[in-house]
Amino acid sequence: MAFLTFGTGMGAGLILGGKLYSGASGMAGECGHIRLAENGPIGYGKHGSFEGFCSGGGIARMGRAYAEKHLPLSWCPTAADLDSISAKTIAEAALAGDESARMIYEECGRRLGLGLSILIDLLNLDRIVIGSIFQRSENLLRPAMESVLKAETLPLSLSQCEIVPAELGDSIGDIAALSVALL
């Protein structure tokens, strides 16, 4: 099982063989560093990384790059509004029917599918739980994600892996911090 944060960044917690897996140096799960494209938004200090495409900052950067070339937009009417672009403002516009905002979330969904296909093929996971942005914007991300998963993932591995949004929503960080404090 893996839990992906998908919030301000992209990282994973891995439970393999029923145990939390931290790796040789304690860095297991740093999937945000995986390069999904030679070029693309920067995340984790790397162009085209999983985190660059699939994080709040990454979605905002993709939105800014698009808006700079296509002003005015419903979600960014003027150049003065570029700094206020966020994953949330783009999601709200997409849900209201703005095609350019939907396109940005579709690209994020495609990259999410590509990143997940790597994890599923490599680890043969039975369940992936995805938090924050996926939990709030699943309907914008899932169609493109599933399309890429079907094209890129080993069919048997994909058929055994359930991909679900985190049930704890935005409270997950608070609950995790409390759990660590109680240890």
Protein backbone atom coordinates (compact mmCIF):
# COMPACT_ATOMS: atom_id res chain seq x y z
CA MET A 1 0.00 0.00 0.00
CA ALA A 2 1.11 3.56 -0.64
CA PHE A 3 -0.20 6.89 0.56
CA LEU A 4 0.57 9.89 -1.67
CA THR A 5 0.39 13.36 -0.16
CA PHE A 6 -0.46 15.39 -3.33
CA GLY A 7 -0.70 18.75 -1.55
CA THR A 8 1.99 21.40 -1.41
CA GLY A 9 4.32 18.64 -2.59
CA MET A 10 4.22 15.02 -3.72
CA GLY A 11 5.56 12.29 -1.51
CA ALA A 12 4.61 8.80 -0.48
CA GLY A 13 4.49 6.62 2.57
CA LEU A 14 4.93 2.94 1.77
CA ILE A 15 3.58 -0.02 3.67
CA LEU A 16 5.18 -3.12 2.19
CA GLY A 17 4.66 -6.58 3.63
CA GLY A 18 2.52 -5.05 6.37
CA LYS A 19 5.31 -2.77 7.63
CA LEU A 20 6.21 0.86 7.09
CA TYR A 21 9.09 0.90 4.63
CA SER A 22 11.65 3.67 5.06
CA GLY A 23 14.47 2.39 2.86
CA ALA A 24 18.24 2.22 3.45
CA SER A 25 18.59 5.94 4.25
CA GLY A 26 15.07 6.69 5.47
CA MET A 27 14.16 8.38 2.18
CA ALA A 28 11.86 5.75 0.65
CA GLY A 29 8.73 7.25 -0.85
CA GLU A 30 10.28 10.41 -2.29
CA CYS A 31 8.35 9.84 -5.52
CA GLY A 32 8.04 13.58 -6.15
CA HIS A 33 11.62 13.46 -7.40
CA ILE A 34 10.80 11.04 -10.26
CA ARG A 35 11.19 12.80 -13.60
CA LEU A 36 8.08 12.30 -15.74
CA ALA A 37 9.15 14.58 -18.62
CA GLU A 38 12.37 16.18 -19.80
CA ASN A 39 10.75 19.59 -19.52
CA GLY A 40 7.90 20.72 -17.36
CA PRO A 41 7.12 22.55 -14.17
CA ILE A 42 9.76 22.43 -11.46
CA GLY A 43 9.06 20.49 -8.33
CA TYR A 44 11.58 19.15 -5.87
CA GLY A 45 14.20 21.22 -7.73
CA LYS A 46 13.78 19.27 -10.96
CA HIS A 47 12.08 20.19 -14.24
CA GLY A 48 9.34 17.77 -15.25
CA SER A 49 9.22 15.95 -11.92
CA PHE A 50 6.20 14.14 -10.51
CA GLU A 51 5.93 16.89 -7.88
CA GLY A 52 6.28 19.55 -10.59
CA PHE A 53 3.16 18.26 -12.32
CA CYS A 54 1.22 16.89 -9.34
CA SER A 55 1.24 19.32 -6.44
CA GLY A 56 -0.54 22.53 -5.59
CA GLY A 57 2.50 24.54 -6.60
CA GLY A 58 2.92 22.55 -9.81
CA ILE A 59 -0.69 23.07 -10.87
CA ALA A 60 -0.36 26.79 -10.11
CA ARG A 61 2.87 26.99 -12.17
CA MET A 62 1.19 25.23 -15.11
CA GLY A 63 -1.71 27.65 -14.76
CA ARG A 64 0.57 30.71 -14.68
CA ALA A 65 2.49 29.51 -17.73
CA TYR A 66 -0.77 29.04 -19.62
CA ALA A 67 -2.27 32.33 -18.45
CA GLU A 68 0.80 34.36 -19.43
CA LYS A 69 0.18 33.34 -23.06
CA HIS A 70 -3.64 33.43 -23.10
CA LEU A 71 -4.91 36.39 -21.05
CA PRO A 72 -7.66 37.21 -20.30
CA LEU A 73 -9.10 34.08 -18.69
CA SER A 74 -12.04 33.67 -16.34
CA TRP A 75 -9.64 32.59 -13.59
CA CYS A 76 -6.95 35.16 -14.43
CA PRO A 77 -8.38 38.25 -16.12
CA THR A 78 -5.21 40.40 -16.08
CA ALA A 79 -1.44 40.09 -15.70
CA ALA A 80 -1.85 41.58 -12.22
CA ASP A 81 -3.76 38.41 -11.25
CA LEU A 82 -0.95 35.98 -12.20
CA ASP A 83 0.46 35.82 -8.67
CA SER A 84 -2.92 34.88 -7.21
CA ILE A 85 -3.30 31.75 -9.37
CA SER A 86 -3.53 28.60 -7.26
CA ALA A 87 -4.58 24.99 -7.71
CA LYS A 88 -7.81 25.96 -5.97
CA THR A 89 -8.65 28.88 -8.30
CA ILE A 90 -7.96 26.71 -11.34
CA ALA A 91 -10.09 23.86 -9.92
CA GLU A 92 -12.96 26.24 -9.20
CA ALA A 93 -12.81 27.53 -12.78
CA ALA A 94 -12.65 23.99 -14.16
CA LEU A 95 -15.68 22.95 -12.12
CA ALA A 96 -17.50 26.05 -13.42
CA GLY A 97 -16.86 24.84 -16.98
CA ASP A 98 -13.75 26.79 -18.02
CA GLU A 99 -12.10 24.64 -20.69
CA SER A 100 -8.58 26.02 -20.18
CA ALA A 101 -8.73 25.23 -16.47
CA ARG A 102 -10.04 21.73 -17.24
CA MET A 103 -7.14 21.25 -19.65
CA ILE A 104 -4.62 22.03 -16.88
CA TYR A 105 -6.22 19.49 -14.55
CA GLU A 106 -6.35 16.92 -17.37
CA GLU A 107 -2.59 17.36 -17.88
CA CYS A 108 -2.08 16.91 -14.15
CA GLY A 109 -4.27 13.79 -14.28
CA ARG A 110 -2.21 12.36 -17.15
CA ARG A 111 1.02 12.93 -15.23
CA LEU A 112 -0.54 11.46 -12.10
CA GLY A 113 -1.42 8.35 -14.11
CA LEU A 114 2.13 8.12 -15.43
CA GLY A 115 3.65 8.44 -11.96
CA LEU A 116 1.23 5.91 -10.50
CA SER A 117 1.94 3.46 -13.33
CA ILE A 118 5.62 3.51 -12.35
CA LEU A 119 4.78 2.85 -8.70
CA ILE A 120 2.28 0.10 -9.52
CA ASP A 121 4.61 -1.68 -11.94
CA LEU A 122 7.60 -1.39 -9.62
CA LEU A 123 5.94 -2.25 -6.30
CA ASN A 124 2.86 -4.25 -7.40
CA LEU A 125 0.73 -2.31 -4.91
CA ASP A 126 -2.74 -3.44 -3.88
CA ARG A 127 -3.94 0.01 -2.81
CA ILE A 128 -2.95 3.62 -3.33
CA VAL A 129 -4.54 6.31 -1.18
CA ILE A 130 -4.11 9.85 -2.46
CA GLY A 131 -4.66 12.90 -0.29
CA SER A 132 -5.44 16.58 -0.44
CA ILE A 133 -5.81 17.81 -4.02
CA PHE A 134 -6.87 14.40 -5.37
CA GLN A 135 -9.44 14.08 -2.61
CA ARG A 136 -10.90 17.51 -3.50
CA SER A 137 -10.58 17.30 -7.31
CA GLU A 138 -10.91 13.59 -8.08
CA ASN A 139 -13.54 14.15 -10.77
CA LEU A 140 -11.17 16.51 -12.62
CA LEU A 141 -8.16 14.18 -12.36
CA ARG A 142 -9.44 10.60 -12.49
CA PRO A 143 -10.53 10.30 -16.16
CA ALA A 144 -7.12 11.30 -17.57
CA MET A 145 -5.31 9.38 -14.81
CA GLU A 146 -7.21 6.17 -15.61
CA SER A 147 -6.63 6.55 -19.34
CA VAL A 148 -2.86 6.69 -18.81
CA LEU A 149 -2.93 3.90 -16.25
CA LYS A 150 -4.69 1.61 -18.73
CA ALA A 151 -2.14 2.43 -21.44
CA GLU A 152 1.01 2.29 -19.30
CA THR A 153 0.54 -0.17 -16.44
CA LEU A 154 0.90 -3.93 -16.53
CA PRO A 155 -2.73 -5.08 -16.80
CA LEU A 156 -2.55 -7.72 -14.05
CA SER A 157 -0.88 -5.31 -11.62
CA LEU A 158 -3.41 -2.57 -12.38
CA SER A 159 -6.34 -4.96 -11.92
CA GLN A 160 -5.14 -5.71 -8.38
CA CYS A 161 -4.59 -2.08 -7.33
CA GLU A 162 -7.36 0.07 -5.88
CA ILE A 163 -6.79 3.85 -6.14
CA VAL A 164 -8.85 5.88 -3.69
CA PRO A 165 -8.95 9.40 -2.25
CA ALA A 166 -7.93 9.83 1.38
CA GLU A 167 -10.96 9.72 3.64
CA LEU A 168 -9.44 12.09 6.20
CA GLY A 169 -9.24 14.98 3.72
CA ASP A 170 -7.37 18.06 4.85
CA SER A 171 -7.24 16.81 8.45
CA ILE A 172 -4.70 14.13 7.61
CA GLY A 173 -1.65 16.28 8.44
CA ASP A 174 -3.06 17.16 11.85
CA ILE A 175 -3.87 13.53 12.60
CA ALA A 176 -0.43 12.37 11.45
CA ALA A 177 1.31 14.98 13.62
CA LEU A 178 -0.76 13.96 16.63
CA SER A 179 0.03 10.29 16.00
CA VAL A 180 3.77 10.99 15.91
CA ALA A 181 3.52 13.07 19.09
CA LEU A 182 1.82 10.18 20.86
CA LEU A 183 4.53 7.65 19.91
